[in-house]
Structures are given as C-alpha cells and as structure tokens.
C-alpha cells in the first residue's frame, strides 16, 4: 500500500468519524416539531374560518341562491365540516386549496 492510499484512507475515516460525531451531537428536538405543527394547525383553522366567513358574507349580501351557486362551484359548508371533523382543519384547508377556494 502506498503512502498516498494510506493518507486517502485516513482522510476518509476521519471524515466519516466527524460525520457520525456531528449527527450524534445534534439531538432531535421534538419541541420544534410540535411548534411547527401547532402553527400549521392554526393557519389551517384560519383558512377554514375565513372561507366560512366569506360564504356567510355572500349569503347575507347576495342571498341564498347566489350562495348556493358559489358553494356548488367550490366547496359546500357541509362537505368542509365533514372533512374537518374526520381529518382535521389542515385536510379542509388542503381541499380549499385544491378547489382554489381559498381567499
């Protein structure tokens, strides 16, 4: 074995050791995941709430006929409520985004 190959092996071994050490030194922080999930859930609740408020405004200002037409083209309140009850606010917000019914 030549000196160059020994040096190459030593550099690779040192790099691997440092990689493993740096992974072990960075512990998993579950608190950040909880905070992120909480923020996401709050955003989802806000999107669902804003959609409901917009439909309520349409119903109050333009009447039930126009409101029904809007709901048929996007997402009905009943469909949204059922999805939120079954899968949570973020699933409801995702449906609104897919149907392009958010703000």
C-alpha atoms as a PDB file:
ATOM      1  CA  UNK A   1       0.000   0.000   0.000  1.00  0.00           C
ATOM      2  CA  UNK A   2       1.390   3.364  -0.940  1.00  0.00           C
ATOM      3  CA  UNK A   3       1.586   6.379   1.297  1.00  0.00           C
ATOM      4  CA  UNK A   4      -0.997   8.189  -0.878  1.00  0.00           C
ATOM      5  CA  UNK A   5      -3.585   5.435  -0.431  1.00  0.00           C
ATOM      6  CA  UNK A   6      -2.929   5.336   3.333  1.00  0.00           C
ATOM      7  CA  UNK A   7      -3.439   9.096   3.536  1.00  0.00           C
ATOM      8  CA  UNK A   8      -6.637   8.817   1.459  1.00  0.00           C
ATOM      9  CA  UNK A   9      -7.962   6.093   3.770  1.00  0.00           C
ATOM     10  CA  UNK A  10      -7.099   8.176   6.814  1.00  0.00           C
ATOM     11  CA  UNK A  11      -8.880  11.244   5.386  1.00  0.00           C
ATOM     12  CA  UNK A  12     -11.975   9.171   4.554  1.00  0.00           C
ATOM     13  CA  UNK A  13     -12.008   7.550   8.005  1.00  0.00           C
ATOM     14  CA  UNK A  14     -11.619  10.947   9.694  1.00  0.00           C
ATOM     15  CA  UNK A  15     -14.434  12.394   7.590  1.00  0.00           C
ATOM     16  CA  UNK A  16     -16.743   9.513   8.486  1.00  0.00           C
ATOM     17  CA  UNK A  17     -15.898   9.842  12.175  1.00  0.00           C
ATOM     18  CA  UNK A  18     -16.629  13.563  12.099  1.00  0.00           C
ATOM     19  CA  UNK A  19     -19.909  12.959  10.280  1.00  0.00           C
ATOM     20  CA  UNK A  20     -21.092  10.441  12.854  1.00  0.00           C
ATOM     21  CA  UNK A  21     -19.984  12.720  15.699  1.00  0.00           C
ATOM     22  CA  UNK A  22     -21.849  15.703  14.264  1.00  0.00           C
ATOM     23  CA  UNK A  23     -25.019  13.622  13.857  1.00  0.00           C
ATOM     24  CA  UNK A  24     -24.799  12.449  17.440  1.00  0.00           C
ATOM     25  CA  UNK A  25     -24.151  15.992  18.670  1.00  0.00           C
ATOM     26  CA  UNK A  26     -27.387  17.307  17.103  1.00  0.00           C
ATOM     27  CA  UNK A  27     -30.181  15.726  19.158  1.00  0.00           C
ATOM     28  CA  UNK A  28     -33.705  15.570  17.817  1.00  0.00           C
ATOM     29  CA  UNK A  29     -35.799  18.473  19.082  1.00  0.00           C
ATOM     30  CA  UNK A  30     -39.430  17.367  19.280  1.00  0.00           C
ATOM     31  CA  UNK A  31     -40.464  20.767  20.651  1.00  0.00           C
ATOM     32  CA  UNK A  32     -39.755  22.399  17.290  1.00  0.00           C
ATOM     33  CA  UNK A  33     -41.927  19.815  15.528  1.00  0.00           C
ATOM     34  CA  UNK A  34     -44.748  20.467  17.980  1.00  0.00           C
ATOM     35  CA  UNK A  35     -44.435  24.221  17.487  1.00  0.00           C
ATOM     36  CA  UNK A  36     -44.444  23.810  13.700  1.00  0.00           C
ATOM     37  CA  UNK A  37     -47.460  21.508  13.808  1.00  0.00           C
ATOM     38  CA  UNK A  38     -49.251  23.938  16.093  1.00  0.00           C
ATOM     39  CA  UNK A  39     -48.537  26.865  13.764  1.00  0.00           C
ATOM     40  CA  UNK A  40     -49.666  24.842  10.751  1.00  0.00           C
ATOM     41  CA  UNK A  41     -52.877  23.861  12.518  1.00  0.00           C
ATOM     42  CA  UNK A  42     -53.558  27.489  13.439  1.00  0.00           C
ATOM     43  CA  UNK A  43     -53.051  28.543   9.814  1.00  0.00           C
ATOM     44  CA  UNK A  44     -55.366  25.772   8.622  1.00  0.00           C
ATOM     45  CA  UNK A  45     -58.056  26.772  11.119  1.00  0.00           C
ATOM     46  CA  UNK A  46     -57.742  30.370   9.928  1.00  0.00           C
ATOM     47  CA  UNK A  47     -58.141  29.374   6.255  1.00  0.00           C
ATOM     48  CA  UNK A  48     -61.220  27.258   7.003  1.00  0.00           C
ATOM     49  CA  UNK A  49     -62.695  30.015   9.163  1.00  0.00           C
ATOM     50  CA  UNK A  50     -62.101  32.669   6.506  1.00  0.00           C
ATOM     51  CA  UNK A  51     -63.797  30.510   3.870  1.00  0.00           C
ATOM     52  CA  UNK A  52     -66.816  30.006   6.115  1.00  0.00           C
ATOM     53  CA  UNK A  53     -66.957  33.751   6.829  1.00  0.00           C
ATOM     54  CA  UNK A  54     -66.765  34.531   3.106  1.00  0.00           C
ATOM     55  CA  UNK A  55     -69.660  32.168   2.358  1.00  0.00           C
ATOM     56  CA  UNK A  56     -71.657  33.687   5.195  1.00  0.00           C
ATOM     57  CA  UNK A  57     -70.991  37.162   3.791  1.00  0.00           C
ATOM     58  CA  UNK A  58     -72.101  36.066   0.311  1.00  0.00           C
ATOM     59  CA  UNK A  59     -75.263  34.537   1.758  1.00  0.00           C
ATOM     60  CA  UNK A  60     -76.048  37.680   3.758  1.00  0.00           C
ATOM     61  CA  UNK A  61     -75.303  40.152   0.981  1.00  0.00           C
ATOM     62  CA  UNK A  62     -76.333  38.318  -2.199  1.00  0.00           C
ATOM     63  CA  UNK A  63     -78.864  35.814  -0.922  1.00  0.00           C
ATOM     64  CA  UNK A  64     -79.201  32.058  -0.654  1.00  0.00           C
ATOM     65  CA  UNK A  65     -79.410  31.437  -4.398  1.00  0.00           C
ATOM     66  CA  UNK A  66     -76.052  33.050  -5.147  1.00  0.00           C
ATOM     67  CA  UNK A  67     -74.501  31.462  -2.053  1.00  0.00           C
ATOM     68  CA  UNK A  68     -75.664  28.010  -3.185  1.00  0.00           C
ATOM     69  CA  UNK A  69     -74.200  28.611  -6.641  1.00  0.00           C
ATOM     70  CA  UNK A  70     -70.869  29.621  -5.108  1.00  0.00           C
ATOM     71  CA  UNK A  71     -70.807  26.564  -2.829  1.00  0.00           C
ATOM     72  CA  UNK A  72     -71.618  24.249  -5.736  1.00  0.00           C
ATOM     73  CA  UNK A  73     -68.659  25.633  -7.683  1.00  0.00           C
ATOM     74  CA  UNK A  74     -66.229  25.385  -4.786  1.00  0.00           C
ATOM     75  CA  UNK A  75     -66.753  23.512  -1.513  1.00  0.00           C
ATOM     76  CA  UNK A  76     -70.000  23.282   0.416  1.00  0.00           C
ATOM     77  CA  UNK A  77     -70.027  24.038   4.113  1.00  0.00           C
ATOM     78  CA  UNK A  78     -71.328  20.540   4.831  1.00  0.00           C
ATOM     79  CA  UNK A  79     -68.537  18.905   2.842  1.00  0.00           C
ATOM     80  CA  UNK A  80     -65.959  21.091   4.552  1.00  0.00           C
ATOM     81  CA  UNK A  81     -67.383  20.443   8.032  1.00  0.00           C
ATOM     82  CA  UNK A  82     -67.409  16.677   7.436  1.00  0.00           C
ATOM     83  CA  UNK A  83     -63.803  16.665   6.236  1.00  0.00           C
ATOM     84  CA  UNK A  84     -62.661  18.823   9.165  1.00  0.00           C
ATOM     85  CA  UNK A  85     -64.468  16.524  11.610  1.00  0.00           C
ATOM     86  CA  UNK A  86     -62.942  13.401  10.041  1.00  0.00           C
ATOM     87  CA  UNK A  87     -59.427  14.549   9.152  1.00  0.00           C
ATOM     88  CA  UNK A  88     -58.777  17.914  10.785  1.00  0.00           C
ATOM     89  CA  UNK A  89     -58.504  21.533   9.733  1.00  0.00           C
ATOM     90  CA  UNK A  90     -55.428  21.037   7.551  1.00  0.00           C
ATOM     91  CA  UNK A  91     -57.273  18.496   5.400  1.00  0.00           C
ATOM     92  CA  UNK A  92     -60.072  21.036   4.986  1.00  0.00           C
ATOM     93  CA  UNK A  93     -57.605  23.775   4.092  1.00  0.00           C
ATOM     94  CA  UNK A  94     -55.937  21.449   1.588  1.00  0.00           C
ATOM     95  CA  UNK A  95     -59.305  20.774  -0.070  1.00  0.00           C
ATOM     96  CA  UNK A  96     -59.948  24.510  -0.318  1.00  0.00           C
ATOM     97  CA  UNK A  97     -56.545  24.987  -1.937  1.00  0.00           C
ATOM     98  CA  UNK A  98     -57.158  22.152  -4.395  1.00  0.00           C
ATOM     99  CA  UNK A  99     -60.514  23.641  -5.369  1.00  0.00           C
ATOM    100  CA  UNK A 100     -58.894  27.105  -5.476  1.00  0.00           C
ATOM    101  CA  UNK A 101     -61.443  28.309  -2.961  1.00  0.00           C
ATOM    102  CA  UNK A 102     -59.053  29.931  -0.541  1.00  0.00           C
ATOM    103  CA  UNK A 103     -59.079  33.712  -0.314  1.00  0.00           C
END
